[in-house]
Amino acid sequence: MTTSASSGSDASLPEIAVVGFAHAPHVPETFGTTNGVEMLVPCFQQLYAELGITKADIDFWCSGSSDFLAGRAFSFISAIDAIGAVPPINESHVEMDAAWALYEAWVKLRSGQAQTALVYGFGKSSAGTLRQVLTMQLDPYLVAPLWPDAVSIAGLQARAGLDSGRWTEQDMAAVAGGDLGAPYVADPLRAHDIAPITDGAAAIVLAVGDRARELCERPAWITGIAHNIDAQALGGRDLTRSPSTTKAAAAATGGNTSFDVAELHAPFSHQQLILAEAIGLSADTRINPSGGALAANPMFAAGLERIGNAAKAIMSGSANRTLAHATSGPALQQNLVAVMEVQ
């Protein structure tokens, strides 16, 4: 069973574009609080400076983070210190990767309730035992009490693909640029197959129509965006495939899977293989020129960074049509796909 939300182009609704993107340095550990303020402030300052705006020019904020990861209740409220509570503004939050905060902001702008939005996400993965914290997203009755960590779950997925002949260890190593002689961390996963623990934050500014054109010489127009969810139960789906990604991609792309660049949120090497097939990417598409999550995986910001990097390729003039993907939940349970183009 799956659920989904999607939208393509509609001439009667506002056009929305990414006009700015910034992210904090990707580091294994940062000092300071777990509410992301120290990481977010430089991101916001960079965006304001590049776009020539102030916080008063933003109509809506939406953030993505996790109280479980931060180890505190309502950590997203504390993070607002990075922006400032004055002047008062409409604000919202999602308890997952900020790519879904961007979806919420997109809906807000699409409905005509705002002209600009600031979307951001943050995660201080080094503050606790990340791989055990992610166990909390599993089935609370049958799976979570066993406390399988995130890498072990991904190892089960990778093993299922190997045993069924869907991919080989050579295929996985080719994605990560790894060495098959390296020791296993969680058989069949080696260190190069696993995203590193990364502290980080990212922020994106969205704008509507003519306002986007005022703020950016070459906006990255969102021409399709969709998200879809597979069953939470690991035994209730084929872990070697991602039907939710296929459905989200079909809704977002309209069947046109020709892209200059695709930024895929794959925290494990074999997941990139699953995603590329699920979307139907051609061999001509450059996948993860930014390095992807295998280079840096700031929790609750990595998916937003995929959108930001795909948009940046358009804004810089190095691509005309790009795709961005974000995932959340165990073994690619929830997936979001966005398409951006130049006009």
Protein backbone atom coordinates (compact mmCIF):
# COMPACT_ATOMS: atom_id res chain seq x y z
CA MET A 1 0.00 0.00 0.00
CA THR A 2 1.32 3.44 -0.90
CA THR A 3 0.22 7.02 -0.41
CA SER A 4 1.34 9.95 -2.50
CA ALA A 5 1.12 13.66 -3.18
CA SER A 6 2.16 15.29 -6.39
CA SER A 7 1.82 18.18 -8.79
CA GLY A 8 3.04 19.14 -12.21
CA SER A 9 2.65 22.38 -14.12
CA ASP A 10 -0.65 24.29 -14.15
CA ALA A 11 -0.87 27.59 -15.99
CA SER A 12 -3.51 28.90 -13.56
CA LEU A 13 -1.20 28.56 -10.54
CA PRO A 14 1.93 30.57 -9.65
CA GLU A 15 5.30 29.50 -11.02
CA ILE A 16 7.80 28.78 -8.25
CA ALA A 17 11.57 28.70 -8.43
CA VAL A 18 14.60 28.11 -6.27
CA VAL A 19 16.53 31.39 -6.25
CA GLY A 20 19.12 30.76 -3.55
CA PHE A 21 20.93 27.90 -1.82
CA ALA A 22 23.51 27.72 0.96
CA HIS A 23 24.80 25.00 3.24
CA ALA A 24 27.06 24.75 6.26
CA PRO A 25 30.47 23.04 6.05
CA HIS A 26 30.28 19.25 6.07
CA VAL A 27 32.17 18.13 9.15
CA PRO A 28 32.17 14.99 11.34
CA GLU A 29 31.51 17.01 14.48
CA THR A 30 30.63 20.56 15.50
CA PHE A 31 30.69 22.31 18.84
CA GLY A 32 27.72 24.13 20.29
CA THR A 33 24.04 23.45 20.79
CA THR A 34 21.96 20.79 19.05
CA ASN A 35 19.39 23.28 17.74
CA GLY A 36 21.43 24.17 14.67
CA VAL A 37 21.73 27.91 15.35
CA GLU A 38 25.50 28.06 14.95
CA MET A 39 25.30 26.26 11.61
CA LEU A 40 22.25 28.11 10.29
CA VAL A 41 23.26 31.73 10.92
CA PRO A 42 26.03 31.76 8.27
CA CYS A 43 23.69 30.08 5.76
CA PHE A 44 21.04 32.77 6.21
CA GLN A 45 23.60 35.56 6.06
CA GLN A 46 24.97 34.17 2.80
CA LEU A 47 21.52 33.97 1.24
CA TYR A 48 20.51 37.48 2.34
CA ALA A 49 23.76 38.90 0.96
CA GLU A 50 23.60 37.07 -2.37
CA LEU A 51 19.94 37.92 -2.97
CA GLY A 52 20.11 41.46 -1.60
CA ILE A 53 17.29 40.90 0.87
CA THR A 54 16.66 40.88 4.61
CA LYS A 55 14.58 38.56 6.75
CA ALA A 56 11.72 41.06 6.39
CA ASP A 57 11.50 40.08 2.71
CA ILE A 58 10.61 36.47 3.59
CA ASP A 59 6.89 35.66 3.87
CA PHE A 60 7.08 32.10 5.20
CA TRP A 61 9.60 29.87 6.99
CA CYS A 62 9.55 26.11 7.06
CA SER A 63 12.14 23.84 8.65
CA GLY A 64 13.06 20.19 8.89
CA SER A 65 14.79 18.55 11.86
CA SER A 66 14.32 15.87 14.49
CA ASP A 67 13.73 16.20 18.22
CA PHE A 68 14.98 12.63 18.66
CA LEU A 69 18.30 13.56 17.07
CA ALA A 70 18.57 16.87 18.91
CA GLY A 71 17.71 15.24 22.23
CA ARG A 72 15.26 17.99 23.15
CA ALA A 73 11.61 18.84 22.64
CA PHE A 74 10.66 21.49 20.07
CA SER A 75 14.23 21.93 18.85
CA PHE A 76 12.87 23.68 15.76
CA ILE A 77 11.55 26.50 17.97
CA SER A 78 15.04 27.06 19.42
CA ALA A 79 16.43 27.12 15.88
CA ILE A 80 14.34 30.20 15.11
CA ASP A 81 16.93 32.11 17.14
CA ALA A 82 19.04 31.84 13.97
CA ILE A 83 16.50 34.00 12.13
CA GLY A 84 14.98 36.14 14.85
CA ALA A 85 11.39 36.21 16.00
CA VAL A 86 10.80 39.82 14.93
CA PRO A 87 9.05 40.71 12.72
CA PRO A 88 6.52 37.91 13.39
CA ILE A 89 5.90 35.56 10.49
CA ASN A 90 4.05 32.42 9.45
CA GLU A 91 6.23 29.45 10.39
CA SER A 92 5.98 25.68 10.09
CA HIS A 93 8.07 22.57 10.58
CA VAL A 94 8.35 18.93 9.54
CA GLU A 95 9.90 16.21 11.68
CA MET A 96 11.90 14.79 8.78
CA ASP A 97 14.31 15.86 6.06
CA ALA A 98 13.84 19.48 5.05
CA ALA A 99 13.09 18.42 1.46
CA TRP A 100 9.58 17.82 2.79
CA ALA A 101 9.65 21.29 4.37
CA LEU A 102 10.36 22.58 0.88
CA TYR A 103 7.32 20.69 -0.38
CA GLU A 104 5.18 22.35 2.30
CA ALA A 105 6.59 25.77 1.40
CA TRP A 106 5.95 25.05 -2.27
CA VAL A 107 2.29 24.34 -1.44
CA LYS A 108 2.11 27.59 0.57
CA LEU A 109 3.42 29.61 -2.35
CA ARG A 110 1.36 27.65 -4.86
CA SER A 111 -1.80 28.54 -2.94
CA GLY A 112 -1.02 32.24 -3.18
CA GLN A 113 -0.51 32.75 0.56
CA ALA A 114 3.11 33.90 0.18
CA GLN A 115 5.52 35.24 -2.43
CA THR A 116 8.78 34.08 -0.85
CA ALA A 117 9.78 31.28 1.51
CA LEU A 118 12.90 30.34 3.45
CA VAL A 119 13.31 26.56 3.84
CA TYR A 120 16.01 25.10 6.06
CA GLY A 121 17.08 21.90 7.75
CA PHE A 122 19.68 20.96 10.32
CA GLY A 123 21.07 17.99 12.16
CA LYS A 124 23.88 17.48 14.66
CA SER A 125 24.45 13.77 14.06
CA SER A 126 27.56 13.69 16.23
CA ALA A 127 25.58 14.61 19.34
CA GLY A 128 24.37 11.07 19.95
CA THR A 129 24.26 7.55 18.60
CA LEU A 130 22.80 8.36 15.18
CA ARG A 131 22.39 4.82 13.92
CA GLN A 132 20.51 3.83 17.07
CA VAL A 133 18.41 7.02 17.05
CA LEU A 134 17.18 6.10 13.56
CA THR A 135 15.83 2.84 15.01
CA MET A 136 13.04 4.97 16.48
CA GLN A 137 11.49 5.32 13.00
CA LEU A 138 10.90 1.57 12.73
CA ASP A 139 7.71 -0.35 13.54
CA PRO A 140 7.36 0.30 17.30
CA TYR A 141 5.77 -3.07 18.06
CA LEU A 142 7.72 -5.71 16.15
CA VAL A 143 10.98 -4.22 14.87
CA ALA A 144 12.11 -1.28 17.01
CA PRO A 145 12.21 -3.39 20.23
CA LEU A 146 14.93 -5.49 18.55
CA TRP A 147 17.02 -2.31 18.09
CA PRO A 148 18.44 -2.99 14.63
CA ASP A 149 20.60 -0.01 13.72
CA ALA A 150 20.33 1.87 10.40
CA VAL A 151 23.45 0.29 8.88
CA SER A 152 22.20 -3.22 9.69
CA ILE A 153 18.87 -2.47 8.01
CA ALA A 154 20.70 -1.22 4.92
CA GLY A 155 22.88 -4.33 5.04
CA LEU A 156 19.76 -6.51 4.87
CA GLN A 157 18.62 -4.52 1.85
CA ALA A 158 22.01 -4.82 0.14
CA ARG A 159 22.18 -8.57 0.83
CA ALA A 160 18.69 -9.07 -0.64
CA GLY A 161 19.83 -7.39 -3.84
CA LEU A 162 23.02 -9.42 -4.06
CA ASP A 163 21.27 -12.73 -3.42
CA SER A 164 18.59 -12.00 -6.01
CA GLY A 165 21.14 -10.94 -8.64
CA ARG A 166 19.84 -7.38 -8.84
CA TRP A 167 23.37 -6.00 -8.39
CA THR A 168 26.88 -7.11 -7.50
CA GLU A 169 29.48 -5.93 -5.02
CA GLN A 170 31.38 -4.58 -8.03
CA ASP A 171 28.35 -2.45 -8.92
CA MET A 172 28.24 -1.09 -5.37
CA ALA A 173 31.96 -0.34 -5.36
CA ALA A 174 31.64 1.47 -8.71
CA VAL A 175 29.08 3.84 -7.20
CA ALA A 176 31.26 4.65 -4.21
CA GLY A 177 34.65 4.44 -5.93
CA GLY A 178 35.60 1.89 -3.29
CA ASP A 179 37.97 -1.01 -2.86
CA LEU A 180 36.56 -4.53 -2.80
CA GLY A 181 39.51 -5.53 -0.66
CA ALA A 182 38.34 -3.34 2.21
CA PRO A 183 36.87 -5.15 5.25
CA TYR A 184 33.14 -5.36 5.84
CA VAL A 185 31.49 -3.05 8.35
CA ALA A 186 28.10 -4.79 8.16
CA ASP A 187 28.30 -7.57 5.58
CA PRO A 188 27.97 -6.87 2.65
CA LEU A 189 28.58 -3.17 3.36
CA ARG A 190 32.09 -1.76 3.51
CA ALA A 191 32.98 1.68 4.85
CA HIS A 192 32.83 3.24 1.38
CA ASP A 193 29.25 1.95 0.95
CA ILE A 194 28.02 3.89 3.98
CA ALA A 195 27.37 7.62 4.29
CA PRO A 196 29.60 9.29 6.89
CA ILE A 197 28.34 10.78 10.14
CA THR A 198 27.98 14.47 9.25
CA ASP A 199 26.85 17.57 11.11
CA GLY A 200 25.31 20.15 8.84
CA ALA A 201 22.56 22.52 7.81
CA ALA A 202 21.18 23.86 4.55
CA ALA A 203 18.80 26.59 3.44
CA ILE A 204 16.91 27.41 0.25
CA VAL A 205 14.92 30.47 -0.79
CA LEU A 206 11.85 29.97 -2.97
CA ALA A 207 10.10 32.76 -4.83
CA VAL A 208 7.07 33.17 -7.08
CA GLY A 209 6.93 34.41 -10.66
CA ASP A 210 8.30 37.90 -11.26
CA ARG A 211 9.69 38.06 -7.72
CA ALA A 212 11.91 35.08 -8.58
CA ARG A 213 13.11 36.84 -11.72
CA GLU A 214 13.96 39.95 -9.69
CA LEU A 215 16.02 37.95 -7.21
CA CYS A 216 17.85 35.60 -9.58
CA GLU A 217 19.15 35.97 -13.12
CA ARG A 218 18.54 32.30 -13.90
CA PRO A 219 15.96 30.81 -11.48
CA ALA A 220 15.55 27.05 -11.19
CA TRP A 221 11.83 26.67 -11.89
CA ILE A 222 10.13 23.74 -10.17
CA THR A 223 8.07 22.15 -12.93
CA GLY A 224 7.15 19.01 -11.03
CA ILE A 225 7.34 17.73 -7.48
CA ALA A 226 5.88 14.64 -5.82
CA HIS A 227 6.38 12.37 -2.83
CA ASN A 228 5.24 8.86 -2.09
CA ILE A 229 5.44 6.36 0.78
CA ASP A 230 5.95 2.61 0.84
CA ALA A 231 4.93 0.27 3.64
CA GLN A 232 6.82 0.75 6.91
CA ALA A 233 7.02 -3.01 7.54
CA LEU A 234 10.32 -4.25 6.10
CA GLY A 235 8.77 -7.62 5.29
CA GLY A 236 5.84 -5.99 3.54
CA ARG A 237 7.78 -4.82 0.49
CA ASP A 238 10.55 -5.84 -1.88
CA LEU A 239 13.57 -4.04 -0.44
CA THR A 240 15.47 -4.35 -3.73
CA ARG A 241 13.04 -2.00 -5.49
CA SER A 242 11.50 1.38 -4.73
CA PRO A 243 7.94 1.63 -6.09
CA SER A 244 7.36 4.86 -4.16
CA THR A 245 10.25 6.49 -6.04
CA THR A 246 8.88 5.21 -9.35
CA LYS A 247 5.45 6.68 -8.62
CA ALA A 248 6.84 9.99 -7.37
CA ALA A 249 9.11 10.25 -10.41
CA ALA A 250 6.27 9.48 -12.81
CA ALA A 251 4.16 12.22 -11.26
CA ALA A 252 6.96 14.79 -11.13
CA THR A 253 8.56 14.13 -14.52
CA GLY A 254 5.48 13.43 -16.58
CA GLY A 255 7.38 10.54 -18.13
CA ASN A 256 10.27 12.67 -19.41
CA THR A 257 13.32 11.25 -17.62
CA SER A 258 15.93 13.07 -19.68
CA PHE A 259 18.06 15.19 -17.33
CA ASP A 260 21.43 16.89 -17.44
CA VAL A 261 21.98 16.27 -13.71
CA ALA A 262 20.30 14.07 -11.09
CA GLU A 263 21.04 14.53 -7.41
CA LEU A 264 20.00 11.32 -5.63
CA HIS A 265 19.78 11.05 -1.85
CA ALA A 266 21.37 7.61 -1.44
CA PRO A 267 23.01 7.15 2.00
CA PHE A 268 24.22 3.69 0.89
CA SER A 269 25.87 2.76 -2.42
CA HIS A 270 23.34 0.11 -3.44
CA GLN A 271 20.50 2.60 -2.92
CA GLN A 272 21.79 4.73 -5.78
CA LEU A 273 21.42 1.70 -8.03
CA ILE A 274 17.83 1.20 -6.84
CA LEU A 275 16.94 4.86 -7.30
CA ALA A 276 18.47 5.29 -10.76
CA GLU A 277 16.48 2.31 -12.00
CA ALA A 278 13.28 3.35 -10.23
CA ILE A 279 13.39 6.80 -11.84
CA GLY A 280 14.51 5.50 -15.23
CA LEU A 281 17.59 7.71 -15.57
CA SER A 282 19.56 7.44 -18.79
CA ALA A 283 23.29 6.80 -19.01
CA ASP A 284 23.75 10.40 -20.19
CA THR A 285 22.59 11.89 -16.89
CA ARG A 286 25.32 13.00 -14.51
CA ILE A 287 24.44 11.47 -11.14
CA ASN A 288 25.51 13.24 -7.96
CA PRO A 289 28.22 15.55 -9.31
CA SER A 290 28.16 17.13 -5.83
CA GLY A 291 29.31 13.83 -4.32
CA GLY A 292 25.90 12.99 -2.89
CA ALA A 293 25.17 11.62 0.55
CA LEU A 294 28.11 9.21 0.35
CA ALA A 295 30.40 12.25 0.53
CA ALA A 296 28.43 14.05 3.24
CA ASN A 297 25.13 13.14 4.86
CA PRO A 298 23.91 15.86 7.23
CA MET A 299 20.75 14.36 8.69
CA PHE A 300 17.57 16.28 7.92
CA ALA A 301 19.44 18.53 5.49
CA ALA A 302 20.94 16.05 3.00
CA GLY A 303 17.73 15.74 0.99
CA LEU A 304 17.32 19.51 0.86
CA GLU A 305 20.93 19.74 -0.30
CA ARG A 306 20.11 17.45 -3.22
CA ILE A 307 17.44 19.96 -4.29
CA GLY A 308 19.82 22.86 -3.67
CA ASN A 309 22.65 21.32 -5.69
CA ALA A 310 20.32 20.41 -8.56
CA ALA A 311 18.98 23.97 -8.55
CA LYS A 312 22.50 25.40 -8.37
CA ALA A 313 23.42 23.56 -11.57
CA ILE A 314 20.65 25.47 -13.34
CA MET A 315 21.35 28.82 -11.68
CA SER A 316 25.04 28.56 -12.60
CA GLY A 317 24.24 27.71 -16.22
CA SER A 318 25.83 24.25 -16.17
CA ALA A 319 22.49 22.46 -16.69
CA ASN A 320 19.08 23.20 -18.18
CA ARG A 321 16.99 20.41 -16.64
CA THR A 322 17.72 18.64 -13.39
CA LEU A 323 16.16 16.15 -11.01
CA ALA A 324 16.50 16.04 -7.23
CA HIS A 325 15.54 13.18 -4.94
CA ALA A 326 15.22 12.94 -1.16
CA THR A 327 14.52 9.97 1.08
CA SER A 328 13.42 9.46 4.65
CA GLY A 329 12.67 6.40 6.73
CA PRO A 330 14.28 2.94 6.68
CA ALA A 331 15.45 1.33 3.43
CA LEU A 332 14.08 4.06 1.12
CA GLN A 333 10.62 4.02 2.67
CA GLN A 334 9.62 7.59 1.79
CA ASN A 335 10.77 9.34 -1.37
CA LEU A 336 10.41 12.78 -2.91
CA VAL A 337 11.28 13.78 -6.47
CA ALA A 338 11.52 17.33 -7.83
CA VAL A 339 12.16 18.49 -11.39
CA MET A 340 13.70 21.89 -12.12
CA GLU A 341 14.19 23.62 -15.45
CA VAL A 342 15.40 26.85 -16.98
CA GLN A 343 12.90 29.09 -18.76
